């Protein structure tokens, strides 16, 4: 999991993945973006994630 974070790194990347997921209507990418965002929040890297997550 930590490798994924260092690979993708930031919420900005999660947001980009999420935008791609929406564009291609891809559930796998959507899950990846959500997972990364949750993981990043857990790590305390960025708590201002509300604008990236569609509820």
N, C-alpha and C. Protein backbone atom coordinates (compact mmCIF):
# COMPACT_ATOMS: atom_id res chain seq x y z
N UNK A 1 0.83 -1.21 0.00
CA UNK A 1 0.00 0.00 0.00
C UNK A 1 0.86 1.26 0.00
N UNK A 2 1.88 1.24 0.81
CA UNK A 2 2.75 2.41 0.88
C UNK A 2 3.43 2.67 -0.46
N UNK A 3 3.71 1.60 -1.19
CA UNK A 3 4.29 1.77 -2.52
C UNK A 3 3.35 2.52 -3.45
N UNK A 4 2.07 2.20 -3.34
CA UNK A 4 1.09 2.92 -4.16
C UNK A 4 1.12 4.40 -3.84
N UNK A 5 1.22 4.71 -2.56
CA UNK A 5 1.22 6.12 -2.15
C UNK A 5 2.45 6.83 -2.70
N UNK A 6 3.60 6.20 -2.58
CA UNK A 6 4.80 6.86 -3.08
C UNK A 6 4.76 6.94 -4.61
N UNK A 7 4.07 5.99 -5.21
CA UNK A 7 3.93 5.99 -6.66
C UNK A 7 3.02 7.13 -7.12
N UNK A 8 1.84 7.17 -6.54
CA UNK A 8 0.85 8.17 -6.98
C UNK A 8 0.93 9.44 -6.14
N UNK A 9 1.27 9.25 -4.88
CA UNK A 9 1.69 10.36 -4.05
C UNK A 9 0.63 11.27 -3.48
N UNK A 10 -0.10 11.97 -4.29
CA UNK A 10 -0.89 13.08 -3.78
C UNK A 10 -2.37 12.94 -4.12
N UNK A 11 -3.13 13.76 -3.43
CA UNK A 11 -4.56 13.81 -3.72
C UNK A 11 -4.81 14.36 -5.12
N UNK A 12 -3.90 15.18 -5.60
CA UNK A 12 -4.04 15.69 -6.96
C UNK A 12 -4.04 14.53 -7.95
N UNK A 13 -3.16 13.57 -7.72
CA UNK A 13 -3.12 12.39 -8.58
C UNK A 13 -4.41 11.58 -8.45
N UNK A 14 -4.89 11.44 -7.22
CA UNK A 14 -6.15 10.72 -7.01
C UNK A 14 -7.28 11.39 -7.77
N UNK A 15 -7.27 12.73 -7.72
CA UNK A 15 -8.31 13.47 -8.43
C UNK A 15 -8.19 13.23 -9.93
N UNK A 16 -6.97 13.18 -10.45
CA UNK A 16 -6.78 12.92 -11.88
C UNK A 16 -7.26 11.53 -12.26
N UNK A 17 -6.97 10.54 -11.41
CA UNK A 17 -7.43 9.18 -11.65
C UNK A 17 -8.95 9.15 -11.63
N UNK A 18 -9.54 9.87 -10.68
CA UNK A 18 -10.99 9.90 -10.56
C UNK A 18 -11.62 10.54 -11.80
N UNK A 19 -11.00 11.60 -12.31
CA UNK A 19 -11.51 12.24 -13.52
C UNK A 19 -11.44 11.28 -14.71
N UNK A 20 -10.34 10.54 -14.80
CA UNK A 20 -10.23 9.52 -15.85
C UNK A 20 -11.31 8.47 -15.70
N UNK A 21 -11.53 8.04 -14.46
CA UNK A 21 -12.54 7.02 -14.20
C UNK A 21 -13.92 7.50 -14.67
N UNK A 22 -14.22 8.76 -14.38
CA UNK A 22 -15.51 9.30 -14.80
C UNK A 22 -15.58 9.40 -16.32
N UNK A 23 -14.51 9.83 -16.93
CA UNK A 23 -14.49 10.00 -18.39
C UNK A 23 -14.75 8.68 -19.11
N UNK A 24 -14.11 7.61 -18.59
CA UNK A 24 -14.25 6.31 -19.25
C UNK A 24 -15.26 5.42 -18.54
N UNK A 25 -15.91 5.98 -17.52
CA UNK A 25 -16.87 5.22 -16.72
C UNK A 25 -16.27 3.89 -16.28
N UNK A 26 -15.11 3.99 -15.64
CA UNK A 26 -14.32 2.82 -15.28
C UNK A 26 -14.35 2.61 -13.77
N UNK A 27 -15.05 1.55 -13.33
CA UNK A 27 -15.18 1.28 -11.90
C UNK A 27 -13.86 0.94 -11.24
N UNK A 28 -12.99 0.26 -11.98
CA UNK A 28 -11.70 -0.12 -11.41
C UNK A 28 -10.89 1.13 -11.05
N UNK A 29 -10.82 2.08 -11.97
CA UNK A 29 -10.11 3.33 -11.71
C UNK A 29 -10.78 4.11 -10.58
N UNK A 30 -12.11 4.07 -10.56
CA UNK A 30 -12.84 4.78 -9.52
C UNK A 30 -12.47 4.23 -8.14
N UNK A 31 -12.43 2.89 -8.06
CA UNK A 31 -12.07 2.25 -6.79
C UNK A 31 -10.63 2.57 -6.40
N UNK A 32 -9.74 2.58 -7.39
CA UNK A 32 -8.34 2.91 -7.13
C UNK A 32 -8.22 4.32 -6.58
N UNK A 33 -8.90 5.27 -7.21
CA UNK A 33 -8.85 6.65 -6.77
C UNK A 33 -9.39 6.80 -5.35
N UNK A 34 -10.50 6.13 -5.08
CA UNK A 34 -11.10 6.19 -3.74
C UNK A 34 -10.16 5.58 -2.71
N UNK A 35 -9.57 4.44 -3.06
CA UNK A 35 -8.64 3.76 -2.17
C UNK A 35 -7.45 4.66 -1.87
N UNK A 36 -6.86 5.24 -2.91
CA UNK A 36 -5.70 6.12 -2.72
C UNK A 36 -6.05 7.31 -1.85
N UNK A 37 -7.20 7.92 -2.12
CA UNK A 37 -7.62 9.08 -1.35
C UNK A 37 -7.79 8.72 0.12
N UNK A 38 -8.48 7.60 0.39
CA UNK A 38 -8.67 7.14 1.77
C UNK A 38 -7.34 6.88 2.44
N UNK A 39 -6.44 6.25 1.71
CA UNK A 39 -5.13 5.89 2.25
C UNK A 39 -4.34 7.15 2.59
N UNK A 40 -4.39 8.12 1.68
CA UNK A 40 -3.66 9.37 1.89
C UNK A 40 -4.21 10.09 3.11
N UNK A 41 -5.54 10.08 3.27
CA UNK A 41 -6.15 10.72 4.43
C UNK A 41 -5.68 10.02 5.70
N UNK A 42 -5.66 8.69 5.69
CA UNK A 42 -5.19 7.93 6.84
C UNK A 42 -3.76 8.30 7.19
N UNK A 43 -2.95 8.50 6.18
CA UNK A 43 -1.55 8.84 6.40
C UNK A 43 -1.42 10.29 6.86
N UNK A 44 -2.51 11.04 6.75
CA UNK A 44 -2.51 12.42 7.22
C UNK A 44 -1.80 13.38 6.28
N UNK A 45 -1.69 13.01 5.02
CA UNK A 45 -0.98 13.86 4.07
C UNK A 45 -1.82 15.09 3.73
N UNK A 46 -3.11 14.88 3.56
CA UNK A 46 -3.99 15.99 3.19
C UNK A 46 -5.41 15.69 3.65
N UNK A 47 -5.91 16.50 4.56
CA UNK A 47 -7.23 16.24 5.10
C UNK A 47 -8.33 16.94 4.32
N UNK A 48 -7.94 17.84 3.43
CA UNK A 48 -8.95 18.58 2.66
C UNK A 48 -9.29 17.80 1.40
N UNK A 49 -9.99 16.68 1.59
CA UNK A 49 -10.25 15.81 0.45
C UNK A 49 -11.68 15.91 -0.03
N UNK A 50 -12.50 16.67 0.68
CA UNK A 50 -13.93 16.68 0.38
C UNK A 50 -14.20 17.08 -1.06
N UNK A 51 -13.35 17.94 -1.64
CA UNK A 51 -13.61 18.39 -3.01
C UNK A 51 -13.27 17.32 -4.03
N UNK A 52 -12.54 16.26 -3.60
CA UNK A 52 -12.15 15.22 -4.54
C UNK A 52 -13.08 14.02 -4.49
N UNK A 53 -13.82 13.89 -3.42
CA UNK A 53 -14.64 12.69 -3.26
C UNK A 53 -16.09 13.02 -3.57
N UNK A 54 -16.67 12.25 -4.49
CA UNK A 54 -18.08 12.42 -4.78
C UNK A 54 -18.88 11.49 -3.89
N UNK A 55 -19.75 12.08 -3.09
CA UNK A 55 -20.53 11.27 -2.16
C UNK A 55 -21.93 11.06 -2.72
